[in-house]
Amino acid sequence: MLKYPHVSIEFCTACKWNLRASWYAQELLSTFSTQLGTVSLIPGTGGVFVVALQLDDKTEDVVIWDRKTNGGFPDSKDLKRIVRDHIAPDRDLGHVDRHSKTKIVNDDIKGEAVEVCEDCK
């Protein structure tokens, strides 16, 4: 039984996104230290970078960011906002809520574009 929400970050090891995944994990744990149960890193291949949230053990994971679908990586502020909107919608994130570099295009969040290793294209 989940006592707190769980975030998983699946990342491509061939693309060497290990540090990026661990940085996002650290950012989420620093911001939501008492509101998240775990943040797990899941090594993968094929250019994958997916952040998912499991709110409880009765519901399926909610994909909150997919590099392929969203067109890159999220700004950490945007990732924090998305997690907050799911687990604590009334919480104020301070400066994160006031400043954002995210480009909103047709109501879709677009992150930064990155290069993918040759094996994952």
PDB file of N, CA and C in Angstrom:
ATOM      1  N   MET A   1       0.829  -1.185   0.000  1.00  0.00           N
ATOM      2  CA  MET A   1       0.000   0.000   0.000  1.00  0.00           C
ATOM      3  C   MET A   1       0.874   1.248   0.000  1.00  0.00           C
ATOM      4  N   LEU A   2       0.576   2.184  -0.911  1.00  0.00           N
ATOM      5  CA  LEU A   2       1.320   3.432  -0.964  1.00  0.00           C
ATOM      6  C   LEU A   2       0.801   4.404   0.083  1.00  0.00           C
ATOM      7  N   LYS A   3       1.703   4.898   0.899  1.00  0.00           N
ATOM      8  CA  LYS A   3       1.329   5.902   1.884  1.00  0.00           C
ATOM      9  C   LYS A   3       1.397   7.301   1.267  1.00  0.00           C
ATOM     10  N   TYR A   4       2.370   7.496   0.367  1.00  0.00           N
ATOM     11  CA  TYR A   4       2.579   8.767  -0.317  1.00  0.00           C
ATOM     12  C   TYR A   4       2.720   8.507  -1.815  1.00  0.00           C
ATOM     13  N   PRO A   5       2.528   9.524  -2.634  1.00  0.00           N
ATOM     14  CA  PRO A   5       2.705   9.341  -4.077  1.00  0.00           C
ATOM     15  C   PRO A   5       4.138   8.923  -4.427  1.00  0.00           C
ATOM     16  N   HIS A   6       4.256   8.241  -5.555  1.00  0.00           N
ATOM     17  CA  HIS A   6       5.532   7.733  -6.039  1.00  0.00           C
ATOM     18  C   HIS A   6       5.801   8.300  -7.427  1.00  0.00           C
ATOM     19  N   VAL A   7       7.005   8.821  -7.635  1.00  0.00           N
ATOM     20  CA  VAL A   7       7.427   9.313  -8.947  1.00  0.00           C
ATOM     21  C   VAL A   7       8.480   8.364  -9.492  1.00  0.00           C
ATOM     22  N   SER A   8       8.340   7.998 -10.754  1.00  0.00           N
ATOM     23  CA  SER A   8       9.373   7.199 -11.415  1.00  0.00           C
ATOM     24  C   SER A   8       9.892   7.975 -12.619  1.00  0.00           C
ATOM     25  N   ILE A   9      11.197   7.877 -12.825  1.00  0.00           N
ATOM     26  CA  ILE A   9      11.832   8.530 -13.956  1.00  0.00           C
ATOM     27  C   ILE A   9      12.573   7.447 -14.736  1.00  0.00           C
ATOM     28  N   GLU A  10      12.036   7.117 -15.910  1.00  0.00           N
ATOM     29  CA  GLU A  10      12.684   6.133 -16.778  1.00  0.00           C
ATOM     30  C   GLU A  10      13.529   6.906 -17.788  1.00  0.00           C
ATOM     31  N   PHE A  11      14.802   6.523 -17.926  1.00  0.00           N
ATOM     32  CA  PHE A  11      15.732   7.277 -18.760  1.00  0.00           C
ATOM     33  C   PHE A  11      16.592   6.334 -19.586  1.00  0.00           C
ATOM     34  N   CYS A  12      17.064   6.837 -20.717  1.00  0.00           N
ATOM     35  CA  CYS A  12      17.905   6.051 -21.623  1.00  0.00           C
ATOM     36  C   CYS A  12      19.356   6.114 -21.156  1.00  0.00           C
ATOM     37  N   THR A  13      19.918   4.948 -20.856  1.00  0.00           N
ATOM     38  CA  THR A  13      21.317   4.898 -20.449  1.00  0.00           C
ATOM     39  C   THR A  13      22.240   5.090 -21.647  1.00  0.00           C
ATOM     40  N   ALA A  14      21.824   4.644 -22.830  1.00  0.00           N
ATOM     41  CA  ALA A  14      22.654   4.807 -24.030  1.00  0.00           C
ATOM     42  C   ALA A  14      22.824   6.278 -24.388  1.00  0.00           C
ATOM     43  N   CYS A  15      21.792   7.087 -24.108  1.00  0.00           N
ATOM     44  CA  CYS A  15      21.858   8.529 -24.369  1.00  0.00           C
ATOM     45  C   CYS A  15      22.568   9.270 -23.236  1.00  0.00           C
ATOM     46  N   LYS A  16      22.922   8.528 -22.204  1.00  0.00           N
ATOM     47  CA  LYS A  16      23.643   9.080 -21.041  1.00  0.00           C
ATOM     48  C   LYS A  16      22.826  10.153 -20.309  1.00  0.00           C
ATOM     49  N   TRP A  17      21.543   9.843 -20.077  1.00  0.00           N
ATOM     50  CA  TRP A  17      20.674  10.773 -19.368  1.00  0.00           C
ATOM     51  C   TRP A  17      20.578  10.448 -17.882  1.00  0.00           C
ATOM     52  N   ASN A  18      21.553   9.677 -17.359  1.00  0.00           N
ATOM     53  CA  ASN A  18      21.588   9.297 -15.948  1.00  0.00           C
ATOM     54  C   ASN A  18      21.634  10.528 -15.036  1.00  0.00           C
ATOM     55  N   LEU A  19      22.549  11.441 -15.318  1.00  0.00           N
ATOM     56  CA  LEU A  19      22.689  12.620 -14.465  1.00  0.00           C
ATOM     57  C   LEU A  19      21.464  13.517 -14.532  1.00  0.00           C
ATOM     58  N   ARG A  20      20.887  13.648 -15.705  1.00  0.00           N
ATOM     59  CA  ARG A  20      19.673  14.458 -15.854  1.00  0.00           C
ATOM     60  C   ARG A  20      18.543  13.857 -15.014  1.00  0.00           C
ATOM     61  N   ALA A  21      18.383  12.537 -15.089  1.00  0.00           N
ATOM     62  CA  ALA A  21      17.330  11.863 -14.316  1.00  0.00           C
ATOM     63  C   ALA A  21      17.559  12.035 -12.820  1.00  0.00           C
ATOM     64  N   SER A  22      18.802  11.879 -12.378  1.00  0.00           N
ATOM     65  CA  SER A  22      19.075  12.016 -10.947  1.00  0.00           C
ATOM     66  C   SER A  22      18.924  13.460 -10.486  1.00  0.00           C
ATOM     67  N   TRP A  23      19.222  14.415 -11.364  1.00  0.00           N
ATOM     68  CA  TRP A  23      19.030  15.820 -11.009  1.00  0.00           C
ATOM     69  C   TRP A  23      17.543  16.132 -10.823  1.00  0.00           C
ATOM     70  N   TYR A  24      16.709  15.656 -11.748  1.00  0.00           N
ATOM     71  CA  TYR A  24      15.263  15.846 -11.592  1.00  0.00           C
ATOM     72  C   TYR A  24      14.775  15.197 -10.293  1.00  0.00           C
ATOM     73  N   ALA A  25      15.273  14.004  -9.996  1.00  0.00           N
ATOM     74  CA  ALA A  25      14.878  13.320  -8.755  1.00  0.00           C
ATOM     75  C   ALA A  25      15.238  14.170  -7.544  1.00  0.00           C
ATOM     76  N   GLN A  26      16.447  14.708  -7.536  1.00  0.00           N
ATOM     77  CA  GLN A  26      16.890  15.554  -6.429  1.00  0.00           C
ATOM     78  C   GLN A  26      16.021  16.801  -6.309  1.00  0.00           C
ATOM     79  N   GLU A  27      15.686  17.417  -7.429  1.00  0.00           N
ATOM     80  CA  GLU A  27      14.832  18.606  -7.420  1.00  0.00           C
ATOM     81  C   GLU A  27      13.457  18.294  -6.822  1.00  0.00           C
ATOM     82  N   LEU A  28      12.873  17.172  -7.237  1.00  0.00           N
ATOM     83  CA  LEU A  28      11.548  16.794  -6.726  1.00  0.00           C
ATOM     84  C   LEU A  28      11.608  16.462  -5.241  1.00  0.00           C
ATOM     85  N   LEU A  29      12.644  15.730  -4.818  1.00  0.00           N
ATOM     86  CA  LEU A  29      12.766  15.384  -3.400  1.00  0.00           C
ATOM     87  C   LEU A  29      13.024  16.614  -2.542  1.00  0.00           C
ATOM     88  N   SER A  30      13.772  17.571  -3.051  1.00  0.00           N
ATOM     89  CA  SER A  30      14.017  18.802  -2.295  1.00  0.00           C
ATOM     90  C   SER A  30      12.745  19.624  -2.138  1.00  0.00           C
ATOM     91  N   THR A  31      11.952  19.671  -3.182  1.00  0.00           N
ATOM     92  CA  THR A  31      10.731  20.471  -3.156  1.00  0.00           C
ATOM     93  C   THR A  31       9.599  19.788  -2.400  1.00  0.00           C
ATOM     94  N   PHE A  32       9.445  18.470  -2.583  1.00  0.00           N
ATOM     95  CA  PHE A  32       8.312  17.740  -2.011  1.00  0.00           C
ATOM     96  C   PHE A  32       8.779  16.715  -0.980  1.00  0.00           C
ATOM     97  N   SER A  33       9.710  17.105  -0.125  1.00  0.00           N
ATOM     98  CA  SER A  33      10.373  16.173   0.790  1.00  0.00           C
ATOM     99  C   SER A  33       9.422  15.357   1.655  1.00  0.00           C
ATOM    100  N   THR A  34       8.342  15.938   2.114  1.00  0.00           N
ATOM    101  CA  THR A  34       7.420  15.197   2.982  1.00  0.00           C
ATOM    102  C   THR A  34       6.131  14.797   2.277  1.00  0.00           C
ATOM    103  N   GLN A  35       6.024  15.115   0.990  1.00  0.00           N
ATOM    104  CA  GLN A  35       4.796  14.808   0.263  1.00  0.00           C
ATOM    105  C   GLN A  35       4.953  13.677  -0.733  1.00  0.00           C
ATOM    106  N   LEU A  36       6.199  13.242  -0.982  1.00  0.00           N
ATOM    107  CA  LEU A  36       6.452  12.113  -1.872  1.00  0.00           C
ATOM    108  C   LEU A  36       6.998  10.947  -1.054  1.00  0.00           C
ATOM    109  N   GLY A  37       6.577   9.749  -1.419  1.00  0.00           N
ATOM    110  CA  GLY A  37       7.100   8.566  -0.756  1.00  0.00           C
ATOM    111  C   GLY A  37       8.440   8.168  -1.327  1.00  0.00           C
ATOM    112  N   THR A  38       8.507   8.105  -2.648  1.00  0.00           N
ATOM    113  CA  THR A  38       9.748   7.717  -3.315  1.00  0.00           C
ATOM    114  C   THR A  38       9.840   8.414  -4.666  1.00  0.00           C
ATOM    115  N   VAL A  39      11.083   8.547  -5.123  1.00  0.00           N
ATOM    116  CA  VAL A  39      11.366   8.919  -6.496  1.00  0.00           C
ATOM    117  C   VAL A  39      12.358   7.872  -6.977  1.00  0.00           C
ATOM    118  N   SER A  40      11.955   7.096  -7.968  1.00  0.00           N
ATOM    119  CA  SER A  40      12.821   6.015  -8.430  1.00  0.00           C
ATOM    120  C   SER A  40      13.344   6.293  -9.830  1.00  0.00           C
ATOM    121  N   LEU A  41      14.561   5.816 -10.075  1.00  0.00           N
ATOM    122  CA  LEU A  41      15.202   5.939 -11.377  1.00  0.00           C
ATOM    123  C   LEU A  41      15.189   4.575 -12.040  1.00  0.00           C
ATOM    124  N   ILE A  42      14.700   4.527 -13.277  1.00  0.00           N
ATOM    125  CA  ILE A  42      14.553   3.269 -14.000  1.00  0.00           C
ATOM    126  C   ILE A  42      15.373   3.346 -15.282  1.00  0.00           C
ATOM    127  N   PRO A  43      16.494   2.616 -15.353  1.00  0.00           N
ATOM    128  CA  PRO A  43      17.301   2.636 -16.568  1.00  0.00           C
ATOM    129  C   PRO A  43      16.552   1.994 -17.728  1.00  0.00           C
ATOM    130  N   GLY A  44      16.681   2.585 -18.905  1.00  0.00           N
ATOM    131  CA  GLY A  44      16.025   2.059 -20.103  1.00  0.00           C
ATOM    132  C   GLY A  44      16.891   2.321 -21.319  1.00  0.00           C
ATOM    133  N   THR A  45      16.326   2.076 -22.483  1.00  0.00           N
ATOM    134  CA  THR A  45      17.017   2.299 -23.747  1.00  0.00           C
ATOM    135  C   THR A  45      16.037   2.891 -24.747  1.00  0.00           C
ATOM    136  N   GLY A  46      16.522   3.147 -25.951  1.00  0.00           N
ATOM    137  CA  GLY A  46      15.636   3.615 -27.017  1.00  0.00           C
ATOM    138  C   GLY A  46      15.260   5.070 -26.937  1.00  0.00           C
ATOM    139  N   GLY A  47      16.071   5.884 -26.258  1.00  0.00           N
ATOM    140  CA  GLY A  47      15.777   7.314 -26.181  1.00  0.00           C
ATOM    141  C   GLY A  47      14.651   7.658 -25.235  1.00  0.00           C
ATOM    142  N   VAL A  48      14.320   6.743 -24.326  1.00  0.00           N
ATOM    143  CA  VAL A  48      13.203   6.966 -23.412  1.00  0.00           C
ATOM    144  C   VAL A  48      13.578   7.967 -22.322  1.00  0.00           C
ATOM    145  N   PHE A  49      12.647   8.858 -22.021  1.00  0.00           N
ATOM    146  CA  PHE A  49      12.726   9.712 -20.840  1.00  0.00           C
ATOM    147  C   PHE A  49      11.294  10.025 -20.443  1.00  0.00           C
ATOM    148  N   VAL A  50      10.790   9.251 -19.484  1.00  0.00           N
ATOM    149  CA  VAL A  50       9.391   9.354 -19.074  1.00  0.00           C
ATOM    150  C   VAL A  50       9.325   9.544 -17.567  1.00  0.00           C
ATOM    151  N   VAL A  51       8.589  10.548 -17.152  1.00  0.00           N
ATOM    152  CA  VAL A  51       8.343  10.787 -15.741  1.00  0.00           C
ATOM    153  C   VAL A  51       6.882  10.420 -15.477  1.00  0.00           C
ATOM    154  N   ALA A  52       6.673   9.516 -14.537  1.00  0.00           N
ATOM    155  CA  ALA A  52       5.317   9.059 -14.223  1.00  0.00           C
ATOM    156  C   ALA A  52       5.062   9.224 -12.725  1.00  0.00           C
ATOM    157  N   LEU A  53       3.798   9.352 -12.395  1.00  0.00           N
ATOM    158  CA  LEU A  53       3.374   9.553 -11.015  1.00  0.00           C
ATOM    159  C   LEU A  53       2.324   8.517 -10.660  1.00  0.00           C
ATOM    160  N   GLN A  54       2.530   7.847  -9.543  1.00  0.00           N
ATOM    161  CA  GLN A  54       1.531   6.916  -9.020  1.00  0.00           C
ATOM    162  C   GLN A  54       1.000   7.513  -7.725  1.00  0.00           C
ATOM    163  N   LEU A  55      -0.281   7.857  -7.736  1.00  0.00           N
ATOM    164  CA  LEU A  55      -0.877   8.523  -6.585  1.00  0.00           C
ATOM    165  C   LEU A  55      -1.233   7.551  -5.463  1.00  0.00           C
ATOM    166  N   ASP A  56      -1.721   6.372  -5.843  1.00  0.00           N
ATOM    167  CA  ASP A  56      -2.038   5.336  -4.860  1.00  0.00           C
ATOM    168  C   ASP A  56      -1.979   3.989  -5.556  1.00  0.00           C
ATOM    169  N   ASP A  57      -2.130   2.918  -4.808  1.00  0.00           N
ATOM    170  CA  ASP A  57      -2.017   1.601  -5.422  1.00  0.00           C
ATOM    171  C   ASP A  57      -3.296   1.141  -6.103  1.00  0.00           C
ATOM    172  N   LYS A  58      -4.291   1.992  -6.168  1.00  0.00           N
ATOM    173  CA  LYS A  58      -5.543   1.641  -6.844  1.00  0.00           C
ATOM    174  C   LYS A  58      -5.621   2.200  -8.258  1.00  0.00           C
ATOM    175  N   THR A  59      -4.769   3.168  -8.562  1.00  0.00           N
ATOM    176  CA  THR A  59      -4.803   3.785  -9.881  1.00  0.00           C
ATOM    177  C   THR A  59      -3.505   3.507 -10.639  1.00  0.00           C
ATOM    178  N   GLU A  60      -3.595   3.582 -11.958  1.00  0.00           N
ATOM    179  CA  GLU A  60      -2.416   3.383 -12.795  1.00  0.00           C
ATOM    180  C   GLU A  60      -1.536   4.626 -12.750  1.00  0.00           C
ATOM    181  N   ASP A  61      -0.284   4.438 -13.149  1.00  0.00           N
ATOM    182  CA  ASP A  61       0.634   5.569 -13.231  1.00  0.00           C
ATOM    183  C   ASP A  61       0.096   6.605 -14.210  1.00  0.00           C
ATOM    184  N   VAL A  62       0.310   7.858 -13.888  1.00  0.00           N
ATOM    185  CA  VAL A  62      -0.029   8.962 -14.772  1.00  0.00           C
ATOM    186  C   VAL A  62       1.281   9.458 -15.366  1.00  0.00           C
ATOM    187  N   VAL A  63       1.419   9.407 -16.680  1.00  0.00           N
ATOM    188  CA  VAL A  63       2.618   9.935 -17.324  1.00  0.00           C
ATOM    189  C   VAL A  63       2.500  11.454 -17.307  1.00  0.00           C
ATOM    190  N   ILE A  64       3.422  12.094 -16.607  1.00  0.00           N
ATOM    191  CA  ILE A  64       3.368  13.549 -16.506  1.00  0.00           C
ATOM    192  C   ILE A  64       4.363  14.220 -17.455  1.00  0.00           C
ATOM    193  N   TRP A  65       5.328  13.450 -17.966  1.00  0.00           N
ATOM    194  CA  TRP A  65       6.219  13.983 -18.987  1.00  0.00           C
ATOM    195  C   TRP A  65       6.803  12.834 -19.791  1.00  0.00           C
ATOM    196  N   ASP A  66       6.744  12.946 -21.101  1.00  0.00           N
ATOM    197  CA  ASP A  66       7.355  11.979 -22.011  1.00  0.00           C
ATOM    198  C   ASP A  66       8.143  12.784 -23.035  1.00  0.00           C
ATOM    199  N   ARG A  67       9.446  12.579 -23.061  1.00  0.00           N
ATOM    200  CA  ARG A  67      10.310  13.349 -23.956  1.00  0.00           C
ATOM    201  C   ARG A  67       9.856  13.270 -25.401  1.00  0.00           C
ATOM    202  N   LYS A  68       9.416  12.112 -25.828  1.00  0.00           N
ATOM    203  CA  LYS A  68       9.000  11.938 -27.221  1.00  0.00           C
ATOM    204  C   LYS A  68       7.681  12.648 -27.511  1.00  0.00           C
ATOM    205  N   THR A  69       6.762  12.589 -26.587  1.00  0.00           N
ATOM    206  CA  THR A  69       5.453  13.230 -26.760  1.00  0.00           C
ATOM    207  C   THR A  69       5.536  14.744 -26.579  1.00  0.00           C
ATOM    208  N   ASN A  70       6.270  15.170 -25.538  1.00  0.00           N
ATOM    209  CA  ASN A  70       6.328  16.589 -25.198  1.00  0.00           C
ATOM    210  C   ASN A  70       7.432  17.344 -25.926  1.00  0.00           C
ATOM    211  N   GLY A  71       8.256  16.636 -26.676  1.00  0.00           N
ATOM    212  CA  GLY A  71       9.269  17.305 -27.487  1.00  0.00           C
ATOM    213  C   GLY A  71      10.468  17.822 -26.727  1.00  0.00           C
ATOM    214  N   GLY A  72      11.034  17.038 -25.849  1.00  0.00           N
ATOM    215  CA  GLY A  72      12.241  17.441 -25.130  1.00  0.00           C
ATOM    216  C   GLY A  72      12.094  17.197 -23.645  1.00  0.00           C
ATOM    217  N   PHE A  73      12.880  17.920 -22.883  1.00  0.00           N
ATOM    218  CA  PHE A  73      12.864  17.789 -21.434  1.00  0.00           C
ATOM    219  C   PHE A  73      12.149  18.985 -20.813  1.00  0.00           C
ATOM    220  N   PRO A  74      11.505  18.759 -19.669  1.00  0.00           N
ATOM    221  CA  PRO A  74      10.846  19.893 -19.014  1.00  0.00           C
ATOM    222  C   PRO A  74      11.856  20.754 -18.277  1.00  0.00           C
ATOM    223  N   ASP A  75      11.543  22.013 -18.138  1.00  0.00           N
ATOM    224  CA  ASP A  75      12.270  22.858 -17.209  1.00  0.00           C
ATOM    225  C   ASP A  75      11.932  22.328 -15.821  1.00  0.00           C
ATOM    226  N   SER A  76      12.863  22.350 -14.894  1.00  0.00           N
ATOM    227  CA  SER A  76      12.585  21.801 -13.557  1.00  0.00           C
ATOM    228  C   SER A  76      11.395  22.496 -12.895  1.00  0.00           C
ATOM    229  N   LYS A  77      11.237  23.788 -13.153  1.00  0.00           N
ATOM    230  CA  LYS A  77      10.103  24.524 -12.579  1.00  0.00           C
ATOM    231  C   LYS A  77       8.779  23.958 -13.083  1.00  0.00           C
ATOM    232  N   ASP A  78       8.744  23.614 -14.368  1.00  0.00           N
ATOM    233  CA  ASP A  78       7.513  23.075 -14.943  1.00  0.00           C
ATOM    234  C   ASP A  78       7.221  21.673 -14.416  1.00  0.00           C
ATOM    235  N   LEU A  79       8.270  20.869 -14.256  1.00  0.00           N
ATOM    236  CA  LEU A  79       8.078  19.538 -13.701  1.00  0.00           C
ATOM    237  C   LEU A  79       7.541  19.635 -12.273  1.00  0.00           C
ATOM    238  N   LYS A  80       8.086  20.545 -11.495  1.00  0.00           N
ATOM    239  CA  LYS A  80       7.600  20.748 -10.119  1.00  0.00           C
ATOM    240  C   LYS A  80       6.144  21.193 -10.121  1.00  0.00           C
ATOM    241  N   ARG A  81       5.793  22.094 -11.040  1.00  0.00           N
ATOM    242  CA  ARG A  81       4.410  22.560 -11.124  1.00  0.00           C
ATOM    243  C   ARG A  81       3.456  21.422 -11.462  1.00  0.00           C
ATOM    244  N   ILE A  82       3.860  20.573 -12.407  1.00  0.00           N
ATOM    245  CA  ILE A  82       3.009  19.455 -12.821  1.00  0.00           C
ATOM    246  C   ILE A  82       2.815  18.482 -11.657  1.00  0.00           C
ATOM    247  N   VAL A  83       3.898  18.153 -10.954  1.00  0.00           N
ATOM    248  CA  VAL A  83       3.795  17.251  -9.795  1.00  0.00           C
ATOM    249  C   VAL A  83       2.911  17.889  -8.734  1.00  0.00           C
ATOM    250  N   ARG A  84       3.147  19.155  -8.437  1.00  0.00           N
ATOM    251  CA  ARG A  84       2.339  19.866  -7.442  1.00  0.00           C
ATOM    252  C   ARG A  84       0.849  19.834  -7.794  1.00  0.00           C
ATOM    253  N   ASP A  85       0.539  20.062  -9.074  1.00  0.00           N
ATOM    254  CA  ASP A  85      -0.853  20.082  -9.504  1.00  0.00           C
ATOM    255  C   ASP A  85      -1.551  18.747  -9.244  1.00  0.00           C
ATOM    256  N   HIS A  86      -0.795  17.651  -9.229  1.00  0.00           N
ATOM    257  CA  HIS A  86      -1.369  16.329  -8.967  1.00  0.00           C
ATOM    258  C   HIS A  86      -1.426  15.984  -7.484  1.00  0.00           C
ATOM    259  N   ILE A  87      -0.397  16.360  -6.719  1.00  0.00           N
ATOM    260  CA  ILE A  87      -0.341  15.885  -5.330  1.00  0.00           C
ATOM    261  C   ILE A  87      -0.748  16.926  -4.289  1.00  0.00           C
ATOM    262  N   ALA A  88      -0.605  18.210  -4.604  1.00  0.00           N
ATOM    263  CA  ALA A  88      -0.934  19.267  -3.634  1.00  0.00           C
ATOM    264  C   ALA A  88      -1.321  20.545  -4.381  1.00  0.00           C
ATOM    265  N   PRO A  89      -2.467  20.531  -5.069  1.00  0.00           N
ATOM    266  CA  PRO A  89      -2.830  21.655  -5.945  1.00  0.00           C
ATOM    267  C   PRO A  89      -2.914  23.018  -5.254  1.00  0.00           C
ATOM    268  N   ASP A  90      -3.134  23.054  -3.963  1.00  0.00           N
ATOM    269  CA  ASP A  90      -3.241  24.328  -3.257  1.00  0.00           C
ATOM    270  C   ASP A  90      -1.899  24.866  -2.779  1.00  0.00           C
ATOM    271  N   ARG A  91      -0.851  24.080  -2.938  1.00  0.00           N
ATOM    272  CA  ARG A  91       0.464  24.479  -2.444  1.00  0.00           C
ATOM    273  C   ARG A  91       1.074  25.559  -3.335  1.00  0.00           C
ATOM    274  N   ASP A  92       1.642  26.583  -2.689  1.00  0.00           N
ATOM    275  CA  ASP A  92       2.349  27.648  -3.406  1.00  0.00           C
ATOM    276  C   ASP A  92       3.809  27.237  -3.526  1.00  0.00           C
ATOM    277  N   LEU A  93       4.342  27.298  -4.740  1.00  0.00           N
ATOM    278  CA  LEU A  93       5.744  26.944  -4.961  1.00  0.00           C
ATOM    279  C   LEU A  93       6.650  28.175  -4.981  1.00  0.00           C
ATOM    280  N   GLY A  94       6.155  29.286  -4.510  1.00  0.00           N
ATOM    281  CA  GLY A  94       6.971  30.488  -4.417  1.00  0.00           C
ATOM    282  C   GLY A  94       7.439  30.978  -5.769  1.00  0.00           C
ATOM    283  N   HIS A  95       8.763  31.153  -5.916  1.00  0.00           N
ATOM    284  CA  HIS A  95       9.319  31.712  -7.153  1.00  0.00           C
ATOM    285  C   HIS A  95       9.046  30.824  -8.362  1.00  0.00           C
ATOM    286  N   VAL A  96       8.865  29.539  -8.150  1.00  0.00           N
ATOM    287  CA  VAL A  96       8.573  28.617  -9.256  1.00  0.00           C
ATOM    288  C   VAL A  96       7.262  28.992  -9.933  1.00  0.00           C
ATOM    289  N   ASP A  97       6.295  29.425  -9.153  1.00  0.00           N
ATOM    290  CA  ASP A  97       5.002  29.818  -9.708  1.00  0.00           C
ATOM    291  C   ASP A  97       5.050  31.170 -10.410  1.00  0.00           C
ATOM    292  N   ARG A  98       6.045  31.978 -10.098  1.00  0.00           N
ATOM    293  CA  ARG A  98       6.098  33.327 -10.660  1.00  0.00           C
ATOM    294  C   ARG A  98       6.964  33.451 -11.905  1.00  0.00           C
ATOM    295  N   HIS A  99       7.919  32.539 -12.103  1.00  0.00           N
ATOM    296  CA  HIS A  99       8.838  32.650 -13.237  1.00  0.00           C
ATOM    297  C   HIS A  99       8.884  31.328 -13.984  1.00  0.00           C
ATOM    298  N   SER A 100       8.725  31.391 -15.282  1.00  0.00           N
ATOM    299  CA  SER A 100       8.810  30.177 -16.090  1.00  0.00           C
ATOM    300  C   SER A 100       9.329  30.508 -17.476  1.00  0.00           C
ATOM    301  N   LYS A 101      10.180  29.625 -17.992  1.00  0.00           N
ATOM    302  CA  LYS A 101      10.692  29.775 -19.349  1.00  0.00           C
ATOM    303  C   LYS A 101       9.925  28.898 -20.320  1.00  0.00           C
ATOM    304  N   THR A 102       8.921  28.197 -19.837  1.00  0.00           N
ATOM    305  CA  THR A 102       8.198  27.253 -20.679  1.00  0.00           C
ATOM    306  C   THR A 102       7.447  27.960 -21.786  1.00  0.00           C
ATOM    307  N   LYS A 103       7.525  27.392 -22.954  1.00  0.00           N
ATOM    308  CA  LYS A 103       6.773  27.903 -24.088  1.00  0.00           C
ATOM    309  C   LYS A 103       5.467  27.119 -24.174  1.00  0.00           C
ATOM    310  N   ILE A 104       4.361  27.817 -24.172  1.00  0.00           N
ATOM    311  CA  ILE A 104       3.067  27.164 -24.318  1.00  0.00           C
ATOM    312  C   ILE A 104       2.656  27.308 -25.780  1.00  0.00           C
ATOM    313  N   VAL A 105       2.510  26.192 -26.457  1.00  0.00           N
ATOM    314  CA  VAL A 105       2.136  26.178 -27.868  1.00  0.00           C
ATOM    315  C   VAL A 105       0.893  25.309 -28.005  1.00  0.00           C
ATOM    316  N   ASN A 106      -0.209  25.921 -28.417  1.00  0.00           N
ATOM    317  CA  ASN A 106      -1.482  25.201 -28.551  1.00  0.00           C
ATOM    318  C   ASN A 106      -1.836  24.439 -27.270  1.00  0.00           C
ATOM    319  N   ASP A 107      -1.637  25.094 -26.135  1.00  0.00           N
ATOM    320  CA  ASP A 107      -1.938  24.525 -24.827  1.00  0.00           C
ATOM    321  C   ASP A 107      -1.079  23.317 -24.469  1.00  0.00           C
ATOM    322  N   ASP A 108      -0.020  23.041 -25.212  1.00  0.00           N
ATOM    323  CA  ASP A 108       0.900  21.951 -24.890  1.00  0.00           C
ATOM    324  C   ASP A 108       2.179  22.552 -24.328  1.00  0.00           C
ATOM    325  N   ILE A 109       2.740  21.914 -23.305  1.00  0.00           N
ATOM    326  CA  ILE A 109       4.006  22.360 -22.755  1.00  0.00           C
ATOM    327  C   ILE A 109       5.115  21.802 -23.635  1.00  0.00           C
ATOM    328  N   LYS A 110       6.039  22.642 -24.057  1.00  0.00           N
ATOM    329  CA  LYS A 110       7.178  22.217 -24.869  1.00  0.00           C
ATOM    330  C   LYS A 110       8.454  22.441 -24.079  1.00  0.00           C
ATOM    331  N   GLY A 111       9.243  21.395 -23.909  1.00  0.00           N
ATOM    332  CA  GLY A 111      10.507  21.498 -23.198  1.00  0.00           C
ATOM    333  C   GLY A 111      11.654  21.741 -24.147  1.00  0.00           C
ATOM    334  N   GLU A 112      12.861  21.656 -23.620  1.00  0.00           N
ATOM    335  CA  GLU A 112      14.036  21.884 -24.446  1.00  0.00           C
ATOM    336  C   GLU A 112      14.317  20.677 -25.329  1.00  0.00           C
ATOM    337  N   ALA A 113      14.744  20.914 -26.548  1.00  0.00           N
ATOM    338  CA  ALA A 113      15.102  19.837 -27.466  1.00  0.00           C
ATOM    339  C   ALA A 113      16.517  19.370 -27.159  1.00  0.00           C
ATOM    340  N   VAL A 114      16.775  18.089 -27.347  1.00  0.00           N
ATOM    341  CA  VAL A 114      18.101  17.529 -27.086  1.00  0.00           C
ATOM    342  C   VAL A 114      18.470  16.550 -28.179  1.00  0.00           C
ATOM    343  N   GLU A 115      19.749  16.249 -28.265  1.00  0.00           N
ATOM    344  CA  GLU A 115      20.201  15.242 -29.202  1.00  0.00           C
ATOM    345  C   GLU A 115      20.046  13.870 -28.577  1.00  0.00           C
ATOM    346  N   VAL A 116      19.740  12.906 -29.413  1.00  0.00           N
ATOM    347  CA  VAL A 116      19.587  11.507 -28.987  1.00  0.00           C
ATOM    348  C   VAL A 116      20.722  10.730 -29.616  1.00  0.00           C
ATOM    349  N   CYS A 117      21.255   9.743 -28.885  1.00  0.00           N
ATOM    350  CA  CYS A 117      22.358   8.955 -29.420  1.00  0.00           C
ATOM    351  C   CYS A 117      21.924   8.217 -30.692  1.00  0.00           C
ATOM    352  N   GLU A 118      22.882   7.851 -31.514  1.00  0.00           N
ATOM    353  CA  GLU A 118      22.598   7.219 -32.801  1.00  0.00           C
ATOM    354  C   GLU A 118      21.758   5.946 -32.650  1.00  0.00           C
ATOM    355  N   ASP A 119      22.006   5.158 -31.617  1.00  0.00           N
ATOM    356  CA  ASP A 119      21.269   3.904 -31.418  1.00  0.00           C
ATOM    357  C   ASP A 119      19.802   4.140 -31.076  1.00  0.00           C
ATOM    358  N   CYS A 120      19.476   5.321 -30.566  1.00  0.00           N
ATOM    359  CA  CYS A 120      18.117   5.588 -30.077  1.00  0.00           C
ATOM    360  C   CYS A 120      17.268   6.409 -31.044  1.00  0.00           C
ATOM    361  N   LYS A 121      17.828   6.817 -32.163  1.00  0.00           N
ATOM    362  CA  LYS A 121      17.056   7.647 -33.104  1.00  0.00           C
ATOM    363  C   LYS A 121      15.975   6.836 -33.780  1.00  0.00           C
TER     364      LYS A 121
END
